[in-house]
mmCIF file of all heavy atoms, coordinates in Angstrom:
data_MODEL
# 
_entry.id   MODEL 
# 
loop_
_atom_site.group_PDB 
_atom_site.id 
_atom_site.type_symbol 
_atom_site.label_atom_id 
_atom_site.label_alt_id 
_atom_site.label_comp_id 
_atom_site.label_asym_id 
_atom_site.label_entity_id 
_atom_site.label_seq_id 
_atom_site.pdbx_PDB_ins_code 
_atom_site.Cartn_x 
_atom_site.Cartn_y 
_atom_site.Cartn_z 
_atom_site.occupancy 
_atom_site.B_iso_or_equiv 
_atom_site.pdbx_formal_charge 
_atom_site.auth_seq_id 
_atom_site.auth_comp_id 
_atom_site.auth_asym_id 
_atom_site.auth_atom_id 
_atom_site.pdbx_PDB_model_num 
ATOM 1   N N   . ILE A 1 1  ? 42.752 85.841 -65.542 1.00 0.00 ? 1  ILE A N   1 
ATOM 2   C CA  . ILE A 1 1  ? 41.414 85.598 -64.997 1.00 0.00 ? 1  ILE A CA  1 
ATOM 3   C C   . ILE A 1 1  ? 41.450 84.631 -63.822 1.00 0.00 ? 1  ILE A C   1 
ATOM 4   O O   . ILE A 1 1  ? 40.720 84.808 -62.848 1.00 0.00 ? 1  ILE A O   1 
ATOM 5   C CB  . ILE A 1 1  ? 40.472 85.064 -66.105 1.00 0.00 ? 1  ILE A CB  1 
ATOM 6   C CG1 . ILE A 1 1  ? 40.192 86.174 -67.125 1.00 0.00 ? 1  ILE A CG1 1 
ATOM 7   C CG2 . ILE A 1 1  ? 39.168 84.534 -65.538 1.00 0.00 ? 1  ILE A CG2 1 
ATOM 8   C CD1 . ILE A 1 1  ? 39.532 87.421 -66.557 1.00 0.00 ? 1  ILE A CD1 1 
ATOM 9   N N   . ALA A 1 2  ? 42.289 83.623 -63.853 1.00 0.00 ? 2  ALA A N   1 
ATOM 10  C CA  . ALA A 1 2  ? 42.343 82.666 -62.740 1.00 0.00 ? 2  ALA A CA  1 
ATOM 11  C C   . ALA A 1 2  ? 42.740 83.374 -61.444 1.00 0.00 ? 2  ALA A C   1 
ATOM 12  O O   . ALA A 1 2  ? 42.174 83.115 -60.381 1.00 0.00 ? 2  ALA A O   1 
ATOM 13  C CB  . ALA A 1 2  ? 43.318 81.540 -63.047 1.00 0.00 ? 2  ALA A CB  1 
ATOM 14  N N   . ALA A 1 3  ? 43.692 84.308 -61.532 1.00 0.00 ? 3  ALA A N   1 
ATOM 15  C CA  . ALA A 1 3  ? 44.110 85.059 -60.344 1.00 0.00 ? 3  ALA A CA  1 
ATOM 16  C C   . ALA A 1 3  ? 43.000 85.990 -59.872 1.00 0.00 ? 3  ALA A C   1 
ATOM 17  O O   . ALA A 1 3  ? 42.760 86.127 -58.669 1.00 0.00 ? 3  ALA A O   1 
ATOM 18  C CB  . ALA A 1 3  ? 45.379 85.852 -60.638 1.00 0.00 ? 3  ALA A CB  1 
ATOM 19  N N   . VAL A 1 4  ? 42.306 86.628 -60.812 1.00 0.00 ? 4  VAL A N   1 
ATOM 20  C CA  . VAL A 1 4  ? 41.181 87.499 -60.449 1.00 0.00 ? 4  VAL A CA  1 
ATOM 21  C C   . VAL A 1 4  ? 40.105 86.678 -59.750 1.00 0.00 ? 4  VAL A C   1 
ATOM 22  O O   . VAL A 1 4  ? 39.579 87.069 -58.705 1.00 0.00 ? 4  VAL A O   1 
ATOM 23  C CB  . VAL A 1 4  ? 40.600 88.211 -61.690 1.00 0.00 ? 4  VAL A CB  1 
ATOM 24  C CG1 . VAL A 1 4  ? 39.296 88.916 -61.355 1.00 0.00 ? 4  VAL A CG1 1 
ATOM 25  C CG2 . VAL A 1 4  ? 41.605 89.195 -62.262 1.00 0.00 ? 4  VAL A CG2 1 
ATOM 26  N N   . ALA A 1 5  ? 39.784 85.521 -60.315 1.00 0.00 ? 5  ALA A N   1 
ATOM 27  C CA  . ALA A 1 5  ? 38.757 84.661 -59.717 1.00 0.00 ? 5  ALA A CA  1 
ATOM 28  C C   . ALA A 1 5  ? 39.166 84.224 -58.319 1.00 0.00 ? 5  ALA A C   1 
ATOM 29  O O   . ALA A 1 5  ? 38.358 84.259 -57.386 1.00 0.00 ? 5  ALA A O   1 
ATOM 30  C CB  . ALA A 1 5  ? 38.503 83.446 -60.603 1.00 0.00 ? 5  ALA A CB  1 
ATOM 31  N N   . ALA A 1 6  ? 40.411 83.822 -58.161 1.00 0.00 ? 6  ALA A N   1 
ATOM 32  C CA  . ALA A 1 6  ? 40.888 83.363 -56.856 1.00 0.00 ? 6  ALA A CA  1 
ATOM 33  C C   . ALA A 1 6  ? 40.806 84.475 -55.818 1.00 0.00 ? 6  ALA A C   1 
ATOM 34  O O   . ALA A 1 6  ? 40.534 84.225 -54.645 1.00 0.00 ? 6  ALA A O   1 
ATOM 35  C CB  . ALA A 1 6  ? 42.319 82.852 -56.963 1.00 0.00 ? 6  ALA A CB  1 
ATOM 36  N N   . TYR A 1 7  ? 41.019 85.710 -56.251 1.00 0.00 ? 7  TYR A N   1 
ATOM 37  C CA  . TYR A 1 7  ? 40.954 86.830 -55.311 1.00 0.00 ? 7  TYR A CA  1 
ATOM 38  C C   . TYR A 1 7  ? 39.514 87.290 -55.077 1.00 0.00 ? 7  TYR A C   1 
ATOM 39  O O   . TYR A 1 7  ? 39.088 87.498 -53.946 1.00 0.00 ? 7  TYR A O   1 
ATOM 40  C CB  . TYR A 1 7  ? 41.787 88.013 -55.814 1.00 0.00 ? 7  TYR A CB  1 
ATOM 41  C CG  . TYR A 1 7  ? 41.765 89.140 -54.816 1.00 0.00 ? 7  TYR A CG  1 
ATOM 42  C CD1 . TYR A 1 7  ? 42.615 89.127 -53.717 1.00 0.00 ? 7  TYR A CD1 1 
ATOM 43  C CD2 . TYR A 1 7  ? 40.856 90.179 -54.925 1.00 0.00 ? 7  TYR A CD2 1 
ATOM 44  C CE1 . TYR A 1 7  ? 42.568 90.119 -52.764 1.00 0.00 ? 7  TYR A CE1 1 
ATOM 45  C CE2 . TYR A 1 7  ? 40.798 91.179 -53.980 1.00 0.00 ? 7  TYR A CE2 1 
ATOM 46  C CZ  . TYR A 1 7  ? 41.650 91.144 -52.901 1.00 0.00 ? 7  TYR A CZ  1 
ATOM 47  O OH  . TYR A 1 7  ? 41.583 92.123 -51.955 1.00 0.00 ? 7  TYR A OH  1 
ATOM 48  N N   . ALA A 1 8  ? 38.752 87.461 -56.148 1.00 0.00 ? 8  ALA A N   1 
ATOM 49  C CA  . ALA A 1 8  ? 37.434 88.096 -56.051 1.00 0.00 ? 8  ALA A CA  1 
ATOM 50  C C   . ALA A 1 8  ? 36.342 87.180 -55.515 1.00 0.00 ? 8  ALA A C   1 
ATOM 51  O O   . ALA A 1 8  ? 35.486 87.616 -54.741 1.00 0.00 ? 8  ALA A O   1 
ATOM 52  C CB  . ALA A 1 8  ? 37.022 88.639 -57.417 1.00 0.00 ? 8  ALA A CB  1 
ATOM 53  N N   . LEU A 1 9  ? 36.340 85.925 -55.920 1.00 0.00 ? 9  LEU A N   1 
ATOM 54  C CA  . LEU A 1 9  ? 35.205 85.055 -55.589 1.00 0.00 ? 9  LEU A CA  1 
ATOM 55  C C   . LEU A 1 9  ? 34.965 84.873 -54.091 1.00 0.00 ? 9  LEU A C   1 
ATOM 56  O O   . LEU A 1 9  ? 33.816 84.920 -53.661 1.00 0.00 ? 9  LEU A O   1 
ATOM 57  C CB  . LEU A 1 9  ? 35.344 83.705 -56.292 1.00 0.00 ? 9  LEU A CB  1 
ATOM 58  C CG  . LEU A 1 9  ? 35.297 83.806 -57.820 1.00 0.00 ? 9  LEU A CG  1 
ATOM 59  C CD1 . LEU A 1 9  ? 35.436 82.431 -58.448 1.00 0.00 ? 9  LEU A CD1 1 
ATOM 60  C CD2 . LEU A 1 9  ? 34.036 84.489 -58.298 1.00 0.00 ? 9  LEU A CD2 1 
ATOM 61  N N   . PRO A 1 10 ? 35.982 84.702 -53.277 1.00 0.00 ? 10 PRO A N   1 
ATOM 62  C CA  . PRO A 1 10 ? 35.713 84.566 -51.850 1.00 0.00 ? 10 PRO A CA  1 
ATOM 63  C C   . PRO A 1 10 ? 35.256 85.874 -51.197 1.00 0.00 ? 10 PRO A C   1 
ATOM 64  O O   . PRO A 1 10 ? 34.745 85.875 -50.090 1.00 0.00 ? 10 PRO A O   1 
ATOM 65  C CB  . PRO A 1 10 ? 37.047 84.133 -51.245 1.00 0.00 ? 10 PRO A CB  1 
ATOM 66  C CG  . PRO A 1 10 ? 37.896 83.714 -52.375 1.00 0.00 ? 10 PRO A CG  1 
ATOM 67  C CD  . PRO A 1 10 ? 37.380 84.424 -53.591 1.00 0.00 ? 10 PRO A CD  1 
ATOM 68  N N   . ARG A 1 11 ? 35.423 86.990 -51.881 1.00 0.00 ? 11 ARG A N   1 
ATOM 69  C CA  . ARG A 1 11 ? 35.135 88.297 -51.290 1.00 0.00 ? 11 ARG A CA  1 
ATOM 70  C C   . ARG A 1 11 ? 33.852 88.938 -51.804 1.00 0.00 ? 11 ARG A C   1 
ATOM 71  O O   . ARG A 1 11 ? 33.515 90.046 -51.401 1.00 0.00 ? 11 ARG A O   1 
ATOM 72  C CB  . ARG A 1 11 ? 36.303 89.242 -51.563 1.00 0.00 ? 11 ARG A CB  1 
ATOM 73  C CG  . ARG A 1 11 ? 37.570 88.840 -50.850 1.00 0.00 ? 11 ARG A CG  1 
ATOM 74  C CD  . ARG A 1 11 ? 38.769 89.604 -51.377 1.00 0.00 ? 11 ARG A CD  1 
ATOM 75  N NE  . ARG A 1 11 ? 39.967 89.343 -50.601 1.00 0.00 ? 11 ARG A NE  1 
ATOM 76  C CZ  . ARG A 1 11 ? 40.751 88.300 -50.781 1.00 0.00 ? 11 ARG A CZ  1 
ATOM 77  N NH1 . ARG A 1 11 ? 40.473 87.410 -51.723 1.00 0.00 ? 11 ARG A NH1 1 
ATOM 78  N NH2 . ARG A 1 11 ? 41.828 88.125 -50.033 1.00 0.00 ? 11 ARG A NH2 1 
ATOM 79  N N   . ALA A 1 12 ? 33.157 88.310 -52.728 1.00 0.00 ? 12 ALA A N   1 
ATOM 80  C CA  . ALA A 1 12 ? 31.971 88.927 -53.339 1.00 0.00 ? 12 ALA A CA  1 
ATOM 81  C C   . ALA A 1 12 ? 30.815 87.941 -53.373 1.00 0.00 ? 12 ALA A C   1 
ATOM 82  O O   . ALA A 1 12 ? 31.013 86.743 -53.533 1.00 0.00 ? 12 ALA A O   1 
ATOM 83  C CB  . ALA A 1 12 ? 32.311 89.388 -54.752 1.00 0.00 ? 12 ALA A CB  1 
ATOM 84  N N   . GLU A 1 13 ? 29.613 88.465 -53.251 1.00 0.00 ? 13 GLU A N   1 
ATOM 85  C CA  . GLU A 1 13 ? 28.404 87.663 -53.374 1.00 0.00 ? 13 GLU A CA  1 
ATOM 86  C C   . GLU A 1 13 ? 28.000 87.615 -54.845 1.00 0.00 ? 13 GLU A C   1 
ATOM 87  O O   . GLU A 1 13 ? 28.197 88.595 -55.577 1.00 0.00 ? 13 GLU A O   1 
ATOM 88  C CB  . GLU A 1 13 ? 27.280 88.282 -52.546 1.00 0.00 ? 13 GLU A CB  1 
ATOM 89  C CG  . GLU A 1 13 ? 27.528 88.240 -51.053 1.00 0.00 ? 13 GLU A CG  1 
ATOM 90  C CD  . GLU A 1 13 ? 27.599 86.817 -50.523 1.00 0.00 ? 13 GLU A CD  1 
ATOM 91  O OE1 . GLU A 1 13 ? 26.812 85.960 -50.966 1.00 0.00 ? 13 GLU A OE1 1 
ATOM 92  O OE2 . GLU A 1 13 ? 28.459 86.559 -49.655 1.00 0.00 ? 13 GLU A OE2 1 
ATOM 93  N N   . PRO A 1 14 ? 27.409 86.496 -55.306 1.00 0.00 ? 14 PRO A N   1 
ATOM 94  C CA  . PRO A 1 14 ? 27.051 86.372 -56.728 1.00 0.00 ? 14 PRO A CA  1 
ATOM 95  C C   . PRO A 1 14 ? 26.234 87.536 -57.280 1.00 0.00 ? 14 PRO A C   1 
ATOM 96  O O   . PRO A 1 14 ? 26.583 88.073 -58.336 1.00 0.00 ? 14 PRO A O   1 
ATOM 97  C CB  . PRO A 1 14 ? 26.277 85.053 -56.791 1.00 0.00 ? 14 PRO A CB  1 
ATOM 98  C CG  . PRO A 1 14 ? 26.757 84.276 -55.625 1.00 0.00 ? 14 PRO A CG  1 
ATOM 99  C CD  . PRO A 1 14 ? 27.093 85.282 -54.563 1.00 0.00 ? 14 PRO A CD  1 
ATOM 100 N N   . PRO A 1 15 ? 25.159 87.981 -56.609 1.00 0.00 ? 15 PRO A N   1 
ATOM 101 C CA  . PRO A 1 15 ? 24.395 89.088 -57.198 1.00 0.00 ? 15 PRO A CA  1 
ATOM 102 C C   . PRO A 1 15 ? 25.224 90.365 -57.345 1.00 0.00 ? 15 PRO A C   1 
ATOM 103 O O   . PRO A 1 15 ? 25.127 91.062 -58.351 1.00 0.00 ? 15 PRO A O   1 
ATOM 104 C CB  . PRO A 1 15 ? 23.249 89.314 -56.207 1.00 0.00 ? 15 PRO A CB  1 
ATOM 105 C CG  . PRO A 1 15 ? 23.138 88.055 -55.426 1.00 0.00 ? 15 PRO A CG  1 
ATOM 106 C CD  . PRO A 1 15 ? 24.532 87.471 -55.393 1.00 0.00 ? 15 PRO A CD  1 
ATOM 107 N N   . ASP A 1 16 ? 26.057 90.645 -56.352 1.00 0.00 ? 16 ASP A N   1 
ATOM 108 C CA  . ASP A 1 16 ? 26.891 91.847 -56.404 1.00 0.00 ? 16 ASP A CA  1 
ATOM 109 C C   . ASP A 1 16 ? 27.929 91.753 -57.507 1.00 0.00 ? 16 ASP A C   1 
ATOM 110 O O   . ASP A 1 16 ? 28.164 92.710 -58.248 1.00 0.00 ? 16 ASP A O   1 
ATOM 111 C CB  . ASP A 1 16 ? 27.590 92.075 -55.063 1.00 0.00 ? 16 ASP A CB  1 
ATOM 112 C CG  . ASP A 1 16 ? 26.612 92.299 -53.933 1.00 0.00 ? 16 ASP A CG  1 
ATOM 113 O OD1 . ASP A 1 16 ? 25.471 92.740 -54.200 1.00 0.00 ? 16 ASP A OD1 1 
ATOM 114 O OD2 . ASP A 1 16 ? 26.971 92.016 -52.778 1.00 0.00 ? 16 ASP A OD2 1 
ATOM 115 N N   . LEU A 1 17 ? 28.552 90.595 -57.617 1.00 0.00 ? 17 LEU A N   1 
ATOM 116 C CA  . LEU A 1 17 ? 29.571 90.387 -58.642 1.00 0.00 ? 17 LEU A CA  1 
ATOM 117 C C   . LEU A 1 17 ? 28.980 90.549 -60.041 1.00 0.00 ? 17 LEU A C   1 
ATOM 118 O O   . LEU A 1 17 ? 29.506 91.275 -60.868 1.00 0.00 ? 17 LEU A O   1 
ATOM 119 C CB  . LEU A 1 17 ? 30.193 88.995 -58.489 1.00 0.00 ? 17 LEU A CB  1 
ATOM 120 C CG  . LEU A 1 17 ? 31.233 88.593 -59.519 1.00 0.00 ? 17 LEU A CG  1 
ATOM 121 C CD1 . LEU A 1 17 ? 32.473 89.460 -59.399 1.00 0.00 ? 17 LEU A CD1 1 
ATOM 122 C CD2 . LEU A 1 17 ? 31.592 87.138 -59.369 1.00 0.00 ? 17 LEU A CD2 1 
ATOM 123 N N   . LEU A 1 18 ? 27.859 89.887 -60.287 1.00 0.00 ? 18 LEU A N   1 
ATOM 124 C CA  . LEU A 1 18 ? 27.243 89.960 -61.612 1.00 0.00 ? 18 LEU A CA  1 
ATOM 125 C C   . LEU A 1 18 ? 26.745 91.364 -61.929 1.00 0.00 ? 18 LEU A C   1 
ATOM 126 O O   . LEU A 1 18 ? 26.885 91.835 -63.059 1.00 0.00 ? 18 LEU A O   1 
ATOM 127 C CB  . LEU A 1 18 ? 26.103 88.947 -61.721 1.00 0.00 ? 18 LEU A CB  1 
ATOM 128 C CG  . LEU A 1 18 ? 26.554 87.489 -61.716 1.00 0.00 ? 18 LEU A CG  1 
ATOM 129 C CD1 . LEU A 1 18 ? 25.361 86.556 -61.625 1.00 0.00 ? 18 LEU A CD1 1 
ATOM 130 C CD2 . LEU A 1 18 ? 27.381 87.176 -62.951 1.00 0.00 ? 18 LEU A CD2 1 
ATOM 131 N N   . ALA A 1 19 ? 26.156 92.044 -60.952 1.00 0.00 ? 19 ALA A N   1 
ATOM 132 C CA  . ALA A 1 19 ? 25.687 93.414 -61.174 1.00 0.00 ? 19 ALA A CA  1 
ATOM 133 C C   . ALA A 1 19 ? 26.863 94.337 -61.466 1.00 0.00 ? 19 ALA A C   1 
ATOM 134 O O   . ALA A 1 19 ? 26.800 95.163 -62.379 1.00 0.00 ? 19 ALA A O   1 
ATOM 135 C CB  . ALA A 1 19 ? 24.893 93.908 -59.972 1.00 0.00 ? 19 ALA A CB  1 
ATOM 136 N N   . PHE A 1 20 ? 27.942 94.188 -60.711 1.00 0.00 ? 20 PHE A N   1 
ATOM 137 C CA  . PHE A 1 20 ? 29.119 95.022 -60.914 1.00 0.00 ? 20 PHE A CA  1 
ATOM 138 C C   . PHE A 1 20 ? 29.668 94.834 -62.321 1.00 0.00 ? 20 PHE A C   1 
ATOM 139 O O   . PHE A 1 20 ? 30.076 95.790 -62.977 1.00 0.00 ? 20 PHE A O   1 
ATOM 140 C CB  . PHE A 1 20 ? 30.188 94.704 -59.873 1.00 0.00 ? 20 PHE A CB  1 
ATOM 141 C CG  . PHE A 1 20 ? 31.340 95.660 -59.886 1.00 0.00 ? 20 PHE A CG  1 
ATOM 142 C CD1 . PHE A 1 20 ? 31.323 96.782 -59.077 1.00 0.00 ? 20 PHE A CD1 1 
ATOM 143 C CD2 . PHE A 1 20 ? 32.420 95.454 -60.718 1.00 0.00 ? 20 PHE A CD2 1 
ATOM 144 C CE1 . PHE A 1 20 ? 32.377 97.683 -59.108 1.00 0.00 ? 20 PHE A CE1 1 
ATOM 145 C CE2 . PHE A 1 20 ? 33.484 96.345 -60.746 1.00 0.00 ? 20 PHE A CE2 1 
ATOM 146 C CZ  . PHE A 1 20 ? 33.465 97.478 -59.944 1.00 0.00 ? 20 PHE A CZ  1 
ATOM 147 N N   . LEU A 1 21 ? 29.687 93.607 -62.784 1.00 0.00 ? 21 LEU A N   1 
ATOM 148 C CA  . LEU A 1 21 ? 30.211 93.298 -64.116 1.00 0.00 ? 21 LEU A CA  1 
ATOM 149 C C   . LEU A 1 21 ? 29.183 93.560 -65.219 1.00 0.00 ? 21 LEU A C   1 
ATOM 150 O O   . LEU A 1 21 ? 29.448 93.291 -66.386 1.00 0.00 ? 21 LEU A O   1 
ATOM 151 C CB  . LEU A 1 21 ? 30.678 91.838 -64.173 1.00 0.00 ? 21 LEU A CB  1 
ATOM 152 C CG  . LEU A 1 21 ? 31.852 91.502 -63.261 1.00 0.00 ? 21 LEU A CG  1 
ATOM 153 C CD1 . LEU A 1 21 ? 32.099 90.000 -63.263 1.00 0.00 ? 21 LEU A CD1 1 
ATOM 154 C CD2 . LEU A 1 21 ? 33.104 92.263 -63.656 1.00 0.00 ? 21 LEU A CD2 1 
ATOM 155 N N   . GLU A 1 22 ? 28.010 94.066 -64.825 1.00 0.00 ? 22 GLU A N   1 
ATOM 156 C CA  . GLU A 1 22 ? 26.914 94.348 -65.757 1.00 0.00 ? 22 GLU A CA  1 
ATOM 157 C C   . GLU A 1 22 ? 26.515 93.109 -66.556 1.00 0.00 ? 22 GLU A C   1 
ATOM 158 O O   . GLU A 1 22 ? 26.235 93.172 -67.745 1.00 0.00 ? 22 GLU A O   1 
ATOM 159 C CB  . GLU A 1 22 ? 27.295 95.512 -66.680 1.00 0.00 ? 22 GLU A CB  1 
ATOM 160 C CG  . GLU A 1 22 ? 27.557 96.796 -65.932 1.00 0.00 ? 22 GLU A CG  1 
ATOM 161 C CD  . GLU A 1 22 ? 28.017 97.939 -66.823 1.00 0.00 ? 22 GLU A CD  1 
ATOM 162 O OE1 . GLU A 1 22 ? 28.208 97.737 -68.042 1.00 0.00 ? 22 GLU A OE1 1 
ATOM 163 O OE2 . GLU A 1 22 ? 28.178 99.048 -66.282 1.00 0.00 ? 22 GLU A OE2 1 
ATOM 164 N N   . MET A 1 23 ? 26.519 91.954 -65.870 1.00 0.00 ? 23 MET A N   1 
ATOM 165 C CA  . MET A 1 23 ? 26.181 90.700 -66.540 1.00 0.00 ? 23 MET A CA  1 
ATOM 166 C C   . MET A 1 23 ? 25.023 89.977 -65.861 1.00 0.00 ? 23 MET A C   1 
ATOM 167 O O   . MET A 1 23 ? 24.691 88.862 -66.248 1.00 0.00 ? 23 MET A O   1 
ATOM 168 C CB  . MET A 1 23 ? 27.419 89.798 -66.595 1.00 0.00 ? 23 MET A CB  1 
ATOM 169 C CG  . MET A 1 23 ? 28.491 90.363 -67.490 1.00 0.00 ? 23 MET A CG  1 
ATOM 170 S SD  . MET A 1 23 ? 29.869 89.252 -67.736 1.00 0.00 ? 23 MET A SD  1 
ATOM 171 C CE  . MET A 1 23 ? 29.122 87.914 -68.625 1.00 0.00 ? 23 MET A CE  1 
ATOM 172 N N   . ASP A 1 24 ? 24.395 90.571 -64.851 1.00 0.00 ? 24 ASP A N   1 
ATOM 173 C CA  . ASP A 1 24 ? 23.341 89.890 -64.114 1.00 0.00 ? 24 ASP A CA  1 
ATOM 174 C C   . ASP A 1 24 ? 22.152 89.511 -64.992 1.00 0.00 ? 24 ASP A C   1 
ATOM 175 O O   . ASP A 1 24 ? 21.538 88.479 -64.792 1.00 0.00 ? 24 ASP A O   1 
ATOM 176 C CB  . ASP A 1 24 ? 22.899 90.701 -62.893 1.00 0.00 ? 24 ASP A CB  1 
ATOM 177 C CG  . ASP A 1 24 ? 22.577 92.144 -63.215 1.00 0.00 ? 24 ASP A CG  1 
ATOM 178 O OD1 . ASP A 1 24 ? 23.112 92.686 -64.201 1.00 0.00 ? 24 ASP A OD1 1 
ATOM 179 O OD2 . ASP A 1 24 ? 21.799 92.746 -62.456 1.00 0.00 ? 24 ASP A OD2 1 
ATOM 180 N N   . ALA A 1 25 ? 21.835 90.318 -65.980 1.00 0.00 ? 25 ALA A N   1 
ATOM 181 C CA  . ALA A 1 25 ? 20.697 90.040 -66.850 1.00 0.00 ? 25 ALA A CA  1 
ATOM 182 C C   . ALA A 1 25 ? 21.093 89.349 -68.150 1.00 0.00 ? 25 ALA A C   1 
ATOM 183 O O   . ALA A 1 25 ? 20.249 89.107 -69.007 1.00 0.00 ? 25 ALA A O   1 
ATOM 184 C CB  . ALA A 1 25 ? 19.952 91.339 -67.161 1.00 0.00 ? 25 ALA A CB  1 
ATOM 185 N N   . ARG A 1 26 ? 22.362 89.002 -68.301 1.00 0.00 ? 26 ARG A N   1 
ATOM 186 C CA  . ARG A 1 26 ? 22.829 88.357 -69.534 1.00 0.00 ? 26 ARG A CA  1 
ATOM 187 C C   . ARG A 1 26 ? 22.166 86.993 -69.689 1.00 0.00 ? 26 ARG A C   1 
ATOM 188 O O   . ARG A 1 26 ? 22.125 86.191 -68.754 1.00 0.00 ? 26 ARG A O   1 
ATOM 189 C CB  . ARG A 1 26 ? 24.348 88.193 -69.477 1.00 0.00 ? 26 ARG A CB  1 
ATOM 190 C CG  . ARG A 1 26 ? 24.938 87.414 -70.617 1.00 0.00 ? 26 ARG A CG  1 
ATOM 191 C CD  . ARG A 1 26 ? 25.848 88.242 -71.450 1.00 0.00 ? 26 ARG A CD  1 
ATOM 192 N NE  . ARG A 1 26 ? 26.355 87.494 -72.574 1.00 0.00 ? 26 ARG A NE  1 
ATOM 193 C CZ  . ARG A 1 26 ? 27.628 87.395 -72.888 1.00 0.00 ? 26 ARG A CZ  1 
ATOM 194 N NH1 . ARG A 1 26 ? 28.528 88.015 -72.160 1.00 0.00 ? 26 ARG A NH1 1 
ATOM 195 N NH2 . ARG A 1 26 ? 28.006 86.721 -73.940 1.00 0.00 ? 26 ARG A NH2 1 
ATOM 196 N N   . PRO A 1 27 ? 21.633 86.688 -70.857 1.00 0.00 ? 27 PRO A N   1 
ATOM 197 C CA  . PRO A 1 27 ? 21.012 85.384 -71.066 1.00 0.00 ? 27 PRO A CA  1 
ATOM 198 C C   . PRO A 1 27 ? 22.048 84.258 -71.071 1.00 0.00 ? 27 PRO A C   1 
ATOM 199 O O   . PRO A 1 27 ? 23.163 84.432 -71.566 1.00 0.00 ? 27 PRO A O   1 
ATOM 200 C CB  . PRO A 1 27 ? 20.327 85.505 -72.431 1.00 0.00 ? 27 PRO A CB  1 
ATOM 201 C CG  . PRO A 1 27 ? 20.853 86.738 -73.063 1.00 0.00 ? 27 PRO A CG  1 
ATOM 202 C CD  . PRO A 1 27 ? 21.529 87.557 -72.014 1.00 0.00 ? 27 PRO A CD  1 
# 
């Protein structure tokens, strides 16, 4: 996960990342 985060976070916007992971509406 640390490697995924290091790669993905600079390349994705929060709304897009959360929607892609199907977690945007997670409480």
